[in-house]
Amino acid sequence: MPVEIDNLPGFHIRRLQQIAVAVFLEETQASGITPVQFAALYAVGREPGIDQRTLARTIGFDTSTIGSVIDRLESRGLMQRNAHPEDRRVRLLTITPDGQRLLEEVEPGMLRAQERMLEPLAPEQRAVFMDMLRTLVRGNNALSRAPSEPLDERTPRRAR
């Protein structure tokens, strides 16, 4: 019997990711920021001085490509790299005042995007859905090409 694509969770997860990106971009289009750039700015804003490798783990992004995300943010004057005082190979990240302002400007649109994505669910279903998403992500984290360490579940880490 052929597989019905509509019965595959991966199909719906991929579609929901496409929808999430489209809604985020629609709500934040004036800023020209992507969801990954927002996550990077947010994480660095929460933990100034974080190194690139830890940032990649924090937002669940591939370490080999996080540099290009940082390059784009740096070229826009939103983030800066600084050499680690003891290890010149390590780059520590800080958000600039312009980056902080952009985060503040984008936040209402980002929050509207989150609401729009959950809109089809009844209010009582939203918390359950979010719990199930977290369970799936945490339970499958090790399978990812870019396993993450959520900000709220780790102790602050700096490059040594």
N, C-alpha and C. Protein backbone atom coordinates (compact mmCIF):
# COMPACT_ATOMS: atom_id res chain seq x y z
N MET A 1 0.84 -1.18 0.00
CA MET A 1 0.00 0.00 0.00
C MET A 1 0.89 1.25 0.00
N PRO A 2 0.62 2.21 -0.88
CA PRO A 2 1.45 3.42 -0.93
C PRO A 2 1.28 4.27 0.33
N VAL A 3 2.34 4.98 0.66
CA VAL A 3 2.34 5.86 1.82
C VAL A 3 1.55 7.13 1.48
N GLU A 4 0.70 7.53 2.38
CA GLU A 4 -0.05 8.78 2.21
C GLU A 4 0.76 9.91 2.85
N ILE A 5 1.20 10.84 2.05
CA ILE A 5 2.04 11.93 2.56
C ILE A 5 1.33 12.72 3.66
N ASP A 6 0.02 12.80 3.58
CA ASP A 6 -0.74 13.55 4.57
C ASP A 6 -0.69 12.90 5.95
N ASN A 7 -0.25 11.65 6.02
CA ASN A 7 -0.13 10.95 7.31
C ASN A 7 1.28 11.00 7.89
N LEU A 8 2.19 11.70 7.23
CA LEU A 8 3.58 11.76 7.67
C LEU A 8 3.85 13.03 8.48
N PRO A 9 4.31 12.89 9.73
CA PRO A 9 4.57 14.08 10.53
C PRO A 9 5.63 14.99 9.91
N GLY A 10 6.64 14.41 9.29
CA GLY A 10 7.70 15.22 8.69
C GLY A 10 7.17 16.16 7.62
N PHE A 11 6.20 15.70 6.85
CA PHE A 11 5.59 16.54 5.82
C PHE A 11 4.96 17.77 6.45
N HIS A 12 4.18 17.56 7.51
CA HIS A 12 3.48 18.68 8.16
C HIS A 12 4.44 19.58 8.92
N ILE A 13 5.49 19.02 9.50
CA ILE A 13 6.49 19.84 10.19
C ILE A 13 7.21 20.74 9.19
N ARG A 14 7.57 20.20 8.03
CA ARG A 14 8.23 21.01 7.00
C ARG A 14 7.29 22.12 6.51
N ARG A 15 6.03 21.78 6.29
CA ARG A 15 5.06 22.79 5.84
C ARG A 15 4.87 23.88 6.91
N LEU A 16 4.80 23.47 8.16
CA LEU A 16 4.63 24.45 9.23
C LEU A 16 5.84 25.37 9.32
N GLN A 17 7.03 24.83 9.09
CA GLN A 17 8.25 25.66 9.07
C GLN A 17 8.16 26.68 7.93
N GLN A 18 7.72 26.24 6.76
CA GLN A 18 7.57 27.17 5.64
C GLN A 18 6.58 28.28 5.99
N ILE A 19 5.48 27.90 6.60
CA ILE A 19 4.45 28.87 6.99
C ILE A 19 5.00 29.82 8.05
N ALA A 20 5.72 29.28 9.02
CA ALA A 20 6.28 30.10 10.10
C ALA A 20 7.23 31.15 9.54
N VAL A 21 8.09 30.76 8.61
CA VAL A 21 9.03 31.72 8.01
C VAL A 21 8.26 32.78 7.22
N ALA A 22 7.29 32.35 6.42
CA ALA A 22 6.51 33.29 5.61
C ALA A 22 5.78 34.31 6.48
N VAL A 23 5.15 33.86 7.55
CA VAL A 23 4.40 34.76 8.43
C VAL A 23 5.37 35.70 9.16
N PHE A 24 6.49 35.17 9.64
CA PHE A 24 7.49 36.02 10.31
C PHE A 24 7.96 37.11 9.35
N LEU A 25 8.32 36.74 8.13
CA LEU A 25 8.83 37.73 7.16
C LEU A 25 7.76 38.76 6.82
N GLU A 26 6.52 38.32 6.71
CA GLU A 26 5.43 39.25 6.42
C GLU A 26 5.26 40.27 7.54
N GLU A 27 5.31 39.81 8.78
CA GLU A 27 5.11 40.69 9.93
C GLU A 27 6.30 41.59 10.22
N THR A 28 7.48 41.21 9.75
CA THR A 28 8.70 41.98 10.08
C THR A 28 9.38 42.52 8.83
N GLN A 29 8.68 42.55 7.70
CA GLN A 29 9.33 42.87 6.43
C GLN A 29 10.04 44.21 6.41
N ALA A 30 9.54 45.19 7.12
CA ALA A 30 10.19 46.50 7.12
C ALA A 30 11.61 46.43 7.67
N SER A 31 11.87 45.46 8.55
CA SER A 31 13.20 45.36 9.19
C SER A 31 14.22 44.64 8.31
N GLY A 32 13.76 43.82 7.37
CA GLY A 32 14.67 43.04 6.54
C GLY A 32 15.44 41.99 7.31
N ILE A 33 14.85 41.48 8.39
CA ILE A 33 15.52 40.49 9.23
C ILE A 33 14.86 39.12 9.03
N THR A 34 15.67 38.09 9.07
CA THR A 34 15.15 36.72 8.93
C THR A 34 14.93 36.12 10.32
N PRO A 35 14.19 35.01 10.40
CA PRO A 35 14.02 34.36 11.70
C PRO A 35 15.34 33.94 12.35
N VAL A 36 16.29 33.46 11.56
CA VAL A 36 17.58 33.04 12.12
C VAL A 36 18.36 34.26 12.61
N GLN A 37 18.33 35.35 11.86
CA GLN A 37 19.00 36.56 12.30
C GLN A 37 18.37 37.10 13.58
N PHE A 38 17.04 37.05 13.66
CA PHE A 38 16.36 37.47 14.89
C PHE A 38 16.83 36.61 16.06
N ALA A 39 16.85 35.29 15.87
CA ALA A 39 17.27 34.39 16.95
C ALA A 39 18.69 34.69 17.39
N ALA A 40 19.57 34.96 16.43
CA ALA A 40 20.97 35.27 16.76
C ALA A 40 21.06 36.58 17.55
N LEU A 41 20.38 37.61 17.09
CA LEU A 41 20.39 38.89 17.80
C LEU A 41 19.81 38.74 19.20
N TYR A 42 18.71 38.03 19.29
CA TYR A 42 18.06 37.82 20.59
C TYR A 42 18.99 37.11 21.57
N ALA A 43 19.61 36.02 21.10
CA ALA A 43 20.50 35.24 21.97
C ALA A 43 21.71 36.05 22.41
N VAL A 44 22.31 36.80 21.49
CA VAL A 44 23.47 37.62 21.84
C VAL A 44 23.05 38.76 22.77
N GLY A 45 21.87 39.30 22.56
CA GLY A 45 21.36 40.34 23.44
C GLY A 45 21.14 39.82 24.86
N ARG A 46 20.74 38.57 24.97
CA ARG A 46 20.54 37.96 26.30
C ARG A 46 21.85 37.59 26.97
N GLU A 47 22.85 37.28 26.15
CA GLU A 47 24.14 36.86 26.71
C GLU A 47 25.29 37.52 25.96
N PRO A 48 25.52 38.81 26.22
CA PRO A 48 26.63 39.50 25.54
C PRO A 48 27.95 38.79 25.83
N GLY A 49 28.78 38.69 24.79
CA GLY A 49 30.07 38.04 24.94
C GLY A 49 30.03 36.55 24.64
N ILE A 50 28.90 36.04 24.20
CA ILE A 50 28.79 34.64 23.81
C ILE A 50 29.69 34.39 22.59
N ASP A 51 30.29 33.23 22.50
CA ASP A 51 31.13 32.94 21.34
C ASP A 51 30.27 32.32 20.22
N GLN A 52 30.79 32.32 19.01
CA GLN A 52 30.04 31.87 17.84
C GLN A 52 29.57 30.43 17.97
N ARG A 53 30.42 29.55 18.45
CA ARG A 53 30.06 28.13 18.56
C ARG A 53 28.90 27.93 19.54
N THR A 54 28.97 28.63 20.68
CA THR A 54 27.90 28.52 21.67
C THR A 54 26.61 29.13 21.13
N LEU A 55 26.73 30.24 20.39
CA LEU A 55 25.55 30.84 19.76
C LEU A 55 24.88 29.83 18.84
N ALA A 56 25.67 29.16 18.01
CA ALA A 56 25.11 28.17 17.08
C ALA A 56 24.34 27.10 17.84
N ARG A 57 24.91 26.58 18.92
CA ARG A 57 24.22 25.56 19.73
C ARG A 57 22.96 26.13 20.37
N THR A 58 23.04 27.37 20.83
CA THR A 58 21.91 27.99 21.52
C THR A 58 20.70 28.11 20.61
N ILE A 59 20.92 28.49 19.35
CA ILE A 59 19.78 28.68 18.45
C ILE A 59 19.56 27.49 17.52
N GLY A 60 20.33 26.41 17.73
CA GLY A 60 20.14 25.22 16.91
C GLY A 60 20.49 25.44 15.45
N PHE A 61 21.59 26.13 15.22
CA PHE A 61 22.01 26.43 13.85
C PHE A 61 23.37 25.81 13.60
N ASP A 62 23.62 25.38 12.41
CA ASP A 62 24.85 24.71 12.02
C ASP A 62 26.06 25.62 12.24
N THR A 63 27.06 25.11 12.94
CA THR A 63 28.25 25.92 13.25
C THR A 63 29.01 26.33 12.00
N SER A 64 28.91 25.53 10.94
CA SER A 64 29.66 25.87 9.73
C SER A 64 29.04 27.04 8.97
N THR A 65 27.78 27.37 9.24
CA THR A 65 27.14 28.48 8.52
C THR A 65 26.73 29.65 9.41
N ILE A 66 26.91 29.55 10.71
CA ILE A 66 26.53 30.66 11.59
C ILE A 66 27.37 31.90 11.27
N GLY A 67 28.58 31.69 10.80
CA GLY A 67 29.45 32.81 10.46
C GLY A 67 28.83 33.72 9.42
N SER A 68 28.16 33.16 8.42
CA SER A 68 27.55 34.00 7.38
C SER A 68 26.36 34.79 7.93
N VAL A 69 25.65 34.22 8.89
CA VAL A 69 24.56 34.96 9.55
C VAL A 69 25.16 36.15 10.30
N ILE A 70 26.22 35.90 11.04
CA ILE A 70 26.88 36.96 11.80
C ILE A 70 27.47 38.00 10.85
N ASP A 71 28.05 37.55 9.72
CA ASP A 71 28.58 38.48 8.73
C ASP A 71 27.52 39.48 8.28
N ARG A 72 26.31 38.97 7.97
CA ARG A 72 25.23 39.84 7.50
C ARG A 72 24.80 40.82 8.60
N LEU A 73 24.70 40.34 9.83
CA LEU A 73 24.32 41.22 10.93
C LEU A 73 25.41 42.26 11.20
N GLU A 74 26.64 41.82 11.12
CA GLU A 74 27.77 42.74 11.35
C GLU A 74 27.83 43.80 10.24
N SER A 75 27.59 43.40 9.00
CA SER A 75 27.65 44.36 7.89
C SER A 75 26.54 45.41 7.99
N ARG A 76 25.45 45.06 8.67
CA ARG A 76 24.36 46.02 8.89
C ARG A 76 24.57 46.83 10.17
N GLY A 77 25.66 46.59 10.87
CA GLY A 77 25.95 47.33 12.10
C GLY A 77 25.09 46.91 13.27
N LEU A 78 24.58 45.65 13.25
CA LEU A 78 23.67 45.18 14.30
C LEU A 78 24.38 44.32 15.35
N MET A 79 25.53 43.77 14.97
CA MET A 79 26.29 42.90 15.87
C MET A 79 27.76 43.14 15.59
N GLN A 80 28.58 42.87 16.59
CA GLN A 80 30.02 42.97 16.35
C GLN A 80 30.74 41.78 16.97
N ARG A 81 31.86 41.44 16.32
CA ARG A 81 32.74 40.39 16.81
C ARG A 81 33.92 41.05 17.49
N ASN A 82 34.32 40.46 18.60
CA ASN A 82 35.50 40.94 19.32
C ASN A 82 36.39 39.73 19.61
N ALA A 83 37.68 39.94 19.55
CA ALA A 83 38.61 38.85 19.85
C ALA A 83 38.54 38.53 21.34
N HIS A 84 38.63 37.24 21.63
CA HIS A 84 38.68 36.78 23.02
C HIS A 84 40.02 37.23 23.60
N PRO A 85 40.05 37.73 24.83
CA PRO A 85 41.31 38.24 25.38
C PRO A 85 42.41 37.19 25.52
N GLU A 86 42.03 35.92 25.72
CA GLU A 86 43.06 34.87 25.89
C GLU A 86 43.24 33.97 24.67
N ASP A 87 42.28 34.00 23.74
CA ASP A 87 42.36 33.12 22.57
C ASP A 87 41.89 33.90 21.35
N ARG A 88 42.84 34.41 20.57
CA ARG A 88 42.54 35.26 19.42
C ARG A 88 41.75 34.54 18.33
N ARG A 89 41.69 33.21 18.37
CA ARG A 89 40.91 32.47 17.36
C ARG A 89 39.42 32.52 17.66
N VAL A 90 39.06 32.78 18.90
CA VAL A 90 37.66 32.79 19.33
C VAL A 90 37.10 34.20 19.19
N ARG A 91 35.91 34.29 18.62
CA ARG A 91 35.24 35.58 18.47
C ARG A 91 34.06 35.65 19.43
N LEU A 92 34.05 36.71 20.23
CA LEU A 92 32.96 36.95 21.16
C LEU A 92 32.01 37.96 20.53
N LEU A 93 30.73 37.76 20.72
CA LEU A 93 29.73 38.55 20.03
C LEU A 93 29.00 39.50 20.98
N THR A 94 28.74 40.68 20.48
CA THR A 94 27.90 41.63 21.21
C THR A 94 26.94 42.27 20.22
N ILE A 95 25.80 42.66 20.74
CA ILE A 95 24.80 43.34 19.93
C ILE A 95 25.09 44.84 20.03
N THR A 96 24.95 45.55 18.95
CA THR A 96 25.20 46.99 18.96
C THR A 96 23.92 47.72 19.40
N PRO A 97 24.04 49.01 19.71
CA PRO A 97 22.81 49.77 20.03
C PRO A 97 21.80 49.72 18.89
N ASP A 98 22.26 49.76 17.63
CA ASP A 98 21.34 49.64 16.49
C ASP A 98 20.68 48.26 16.48
N GLY A 99 21.43 47.23 16.83
CA GLY A 99 20.87 45.88 16.91
C GLY A 99 19.82 45.78 17.99
N GLN A 100 20.08 46.39 19.13
CA GLN A 100 19.10 46.39 20.23
C GLN A 100 17.84 47.13 19.82
N ARG A 101 18.00 48.27 19.15
CA ARG A 101 16.83 49.03 18.67
C ARG A 101 16.03 48.21 17.67
N LEU A 102 16.72 47.52 16.77
CA LEU A 102 16.02 46.70 15.79
C LEU A 102 15.24 45.58 16.47
N LEU A 103 15.85 44.93 17.44
CA LEU A 103 15.14 43.89 18.19
C LEU A 103 13.85 44.44 18.80
N GLU A 104 13.94 45.60 19.40
CA GLU A 104 12.77 46.22 20.03
C GLU A 104 11.71 46.58 19.00
N GLU A 105 12.15 47.04 17.81
CA GLU A 105 11.20 47.38 16.75
C GLU A 105 10.53 46.14 16.18
N VAL A 106 11.27 45.06 16.07
CA VAL A 106 10.77 43.84 15.45
C VAL A 106 9.88 43.03 16.39
N GLU A 107 10.08 43.18 17.69
CA GLU A 107 9.36 42.33 18.65
C GLU A 107 7.85 42.31 18.48
N PRO A 108 7.17 43.44 18.30
CA PRO A 108 5.71 43.36 18.12
C PRO A 108 5.30 42.52 16.90
N GLY A 109 6.00 42.68 15.79
CA GLY A 109 5.70 41.89 14.59
C GLY A 109 6.00 40.42 14.80
N MET A 110 7.10 40.14 15.48
CA MET A 110 7.45 38.75 15.77
C MET A 110 6.37 38.11 16.63
N LEU A 111 5.89 38.84 17.63
CA LEU A 111 4.84 38.31 18.51
C LEU A 111 3.52 38.12 17.74
N ARG A 112 3.20 39.06 16.84
CA ARG A 112 2.00 38.88 16.00
C ARG A 112 2.13 37.64 15.15
N ALA A 113 3.33 37.40 14.62
CA ALA A 113 3.56 36.20 13.80
C ALA A 113 3.30 34.94 14.62
N GLN A 114 3.76 34.92 15.87
CA GLN A 114 3.54 33.74 16.72
C GLN A 114 2.05 33.51 16.94
N GLU A 115 1.33 34.59 17.20
CA GLU A 115 -0.12 34.49 17.40
C GLU A 115 -0.81 33.99 16.14
N ARG A 116 -0.41 34.52 15.00
CA ARG A 116 -1.03 34.10 13.73
C ARG A 116 -0.81 32.62 13.47
N MET A 117 0.38 32.12 13.80
CA MET A 117 0.66 30.70 13.58
C MET A 117 -0.22 29.81 14.44
N LEU A 118 -0.53 30.26 15.64
CA LEU A 118 -1.33 29.45 16.57
C LEU A 118 -2.83 29.74 16.45
N GLU A 119 -3.20 30.73 15.66
CA GLU A 119 -4.59 31.15 15.54
C GLU A 119 -5.58 30.02 15.25
N PRO A 120 -5.24 29.04 14.40
CA PRO A 120 -6.21 27.97 14.13
C PRO A 120 -6.53 27.10 15.35
N LEU A 121 -5.72 27.17 16.39
CA LEU A 121 -5.95 26.36 17.59
C LEU A 121 -6.82 27.12 18.58
N ALA A 122 -7.65 26.38 19.28
CA ALA A 122 -8.41 26.96 20.38
C ALA A 122 -7.42 27.35 21.47
N PRO A 123 -7.73 28.38 22.25
CA PRO A 123 -6.79 28.83 23.30
C PRO A 123 -6.30 27.70 24.20
N GLU A 124 -7.17 26.79 24.58
CA GLU A 124 -6.75 25.69 25.46
C GLU A 124 -5.85 24.68 24.74
N GLN A 125 -5.85 24.66 23.42
CA GLN A 125 -4.99 23.75 22.67
C GLN A 125 -3.58 24.29 22.51
N ARG A 126 -3.41 25.58 22.59
CA ARG A 126 -2.11 26.21 22.32
C ARG A 126 -1.03 25.75 23.28
N ALA A 127 -1.32 25.74 24.57
CA ALA A 127 -0.31 25.31 25.57
C ALA A 127 0.03 23.85 25.38
N VAL A 128 -0.97 23.04 25.08
CA VAL A 128 -0.73 21.60 24.86
C VAL A 128 0.14 21.41 23.62
N PHE A 129 -0.18 22.13 22.56
CA PHE A 129 0.60 22.04 21.33
C PHE A 129 2.06 22.45 21.58
N MET A 130 2.27 23.56 22.30
CA MET A 130 3.62 24.02 22.59
C MET A 130 4.38 22.99 23.43
N ASP A 131 3.71 22.39 24.41
CA ASP A 131 4.35 21.34 25.21
C ASP A 131 4.75 20.16 24.33
N MET A 132 3.87 19.78 23.40
CA MET A 132 4.18 18.65 22.51
C MET A 132 5.34 19.01 21.59
N LEU A 133 5.37 20.23 21.07
CA LEU A 133 6.50 20.65 20.23
C LEU A 133 7.81 20.57 21.00
N ARG A 134 7.82 21.11 22.23
CA ARG A 134 9.04 21.07 23.04
C ARG A 134 9.48 19.62 23.30
N THR A 135 8.53 18.76 23.58
CA THR A 135 8.84 17.35 23.83
C THR A 135 9.48 16.72 22.60
N LEU A 136 8.92 16.99 21.43
CA LEU A 136 9.47 16.42 20.20
C LEU A 136 10.87 16.97 19.91
N VAL A 137 11.05 18.26 20.07
CA VAL A 137 12.36 18.87 19.80
C VAL A 137 13.40 18.35 20.79
N ARG A 138 13.08 18.36 22.06
CA ARG A 138 14.04 17.87 23.06
C ARG A 138 14.33 16.38 22.88
N GLY A 139 13.30 15.61 22.61
CA GLY A 139 13.46 14.17 22.45
C GLY A 139 14.25 13.78 21.23
N ASN A 140 14.25 14.65 20.21
CA ASN A 140 14.96 14.36 18.97
C ASN A 140 16.17 15.26 18.76
N ASN A 141 16.52 16.07 19.74
CA ASN A 141 17.60 17.03 19.61
C ASN A 141 18.91 16.39 19.14
N ALA A 142 19.25 15.24 19.69
CA ALA A 142 20.52 14.59 19.36
C ALA A 142 20.56 14.14 17.90
N LEU A 143 19.42 14.03 17.25
CA LEU A 143 19.37 13.60 15.86
C LEU A 143 19.66 14.73 14.88
N SER A 144 19.67 15.95 15.39
CA SER A 144 19.84 17.12 14.55
C SER A 144 21.29 17.29 14.09
N ARG A 145 21.46 17.88 12.91
CA ARG A 145 22.81 18.27 12.46
C ARG A 145 23.31 19.43 13.31
N ALA A 146 22.38 20.13 13.98
CA ALA A 146 22.74 21.27 14.82
C ALA A 146 21.99 21.17 16.15
N PRO A 147 22.40 20.22 17.00
CA PRO A 147 21.73 20.10 18.30
C PRO A 147 21.82 21.42 19.07
N SER A 148 20.74 21.75 19.75
CA SER A 148 20.72 23.03 20.44
C SER A 148 20.77 22.87 21.95
N GLU A 149 21.10 23.98 22.58
CA GLU A 149 21.07 24.13 24.03
C GLU A 149 20.23 25.36 24.28
N PRO A 150 18.96 25.21 24.62
CA PRO A 150 18.13 26.40 24.83
C PRO A 150 18.70 27.31 25.91
N LEU A 151 18.56 28.61 25.71
CA LEU A 151 19.08 29.60 26.67
C LEU A 151 18.57 29.35 28.07
N ASP A 152 17.31 28.98 28.21
CA ASP A 152 16.74 28.85 29.54
C ASP A 152 17.09 27.55 30.24
N GLU A 153 17.84 26.69 29.58
CA GLU A 153 18.16 25.40 30.18
C GLU A 153 19.65 25.15 30.33
N ARG A 154 20.43 26.20 30.24
CA ARG A 154 21.86 25.98 30.37
C ARG A 154 22.46 27.06 31.24
N THR A 155 23.58 26.73 31.77
CA THR A 155 24.30 27.74 32.54
C THR A 155 25.10 28.58 31.55
N PRO A 156 25.31 29.85 31.85
CA PRO A 156 26.07 30.69 30.92
C PRO A 156 27.43 30.08 30.63
N ARG A 157 27.79 30.11 29.36
CA ARG A 157 29.06 29.53 28.93
C ARG A 157 29.84 30.54 28.13
N ARG A 158 31.05 30.67 28.40
CA ARG A 158 31.93 31.56 27.64
C ARG A 158 33.05 30.70 27.07
N ALA A 159 33.64 31.19 25.98
CA ALA A 159 34.79 30.48 25.41
C ALA A 159 35.92 30.54 26.41
N ARG A 160 36.67 29.48 26.47
CA ARG A 160 37.78 29.43 27.43
C ARG A 160 39.07 29.81 26.76
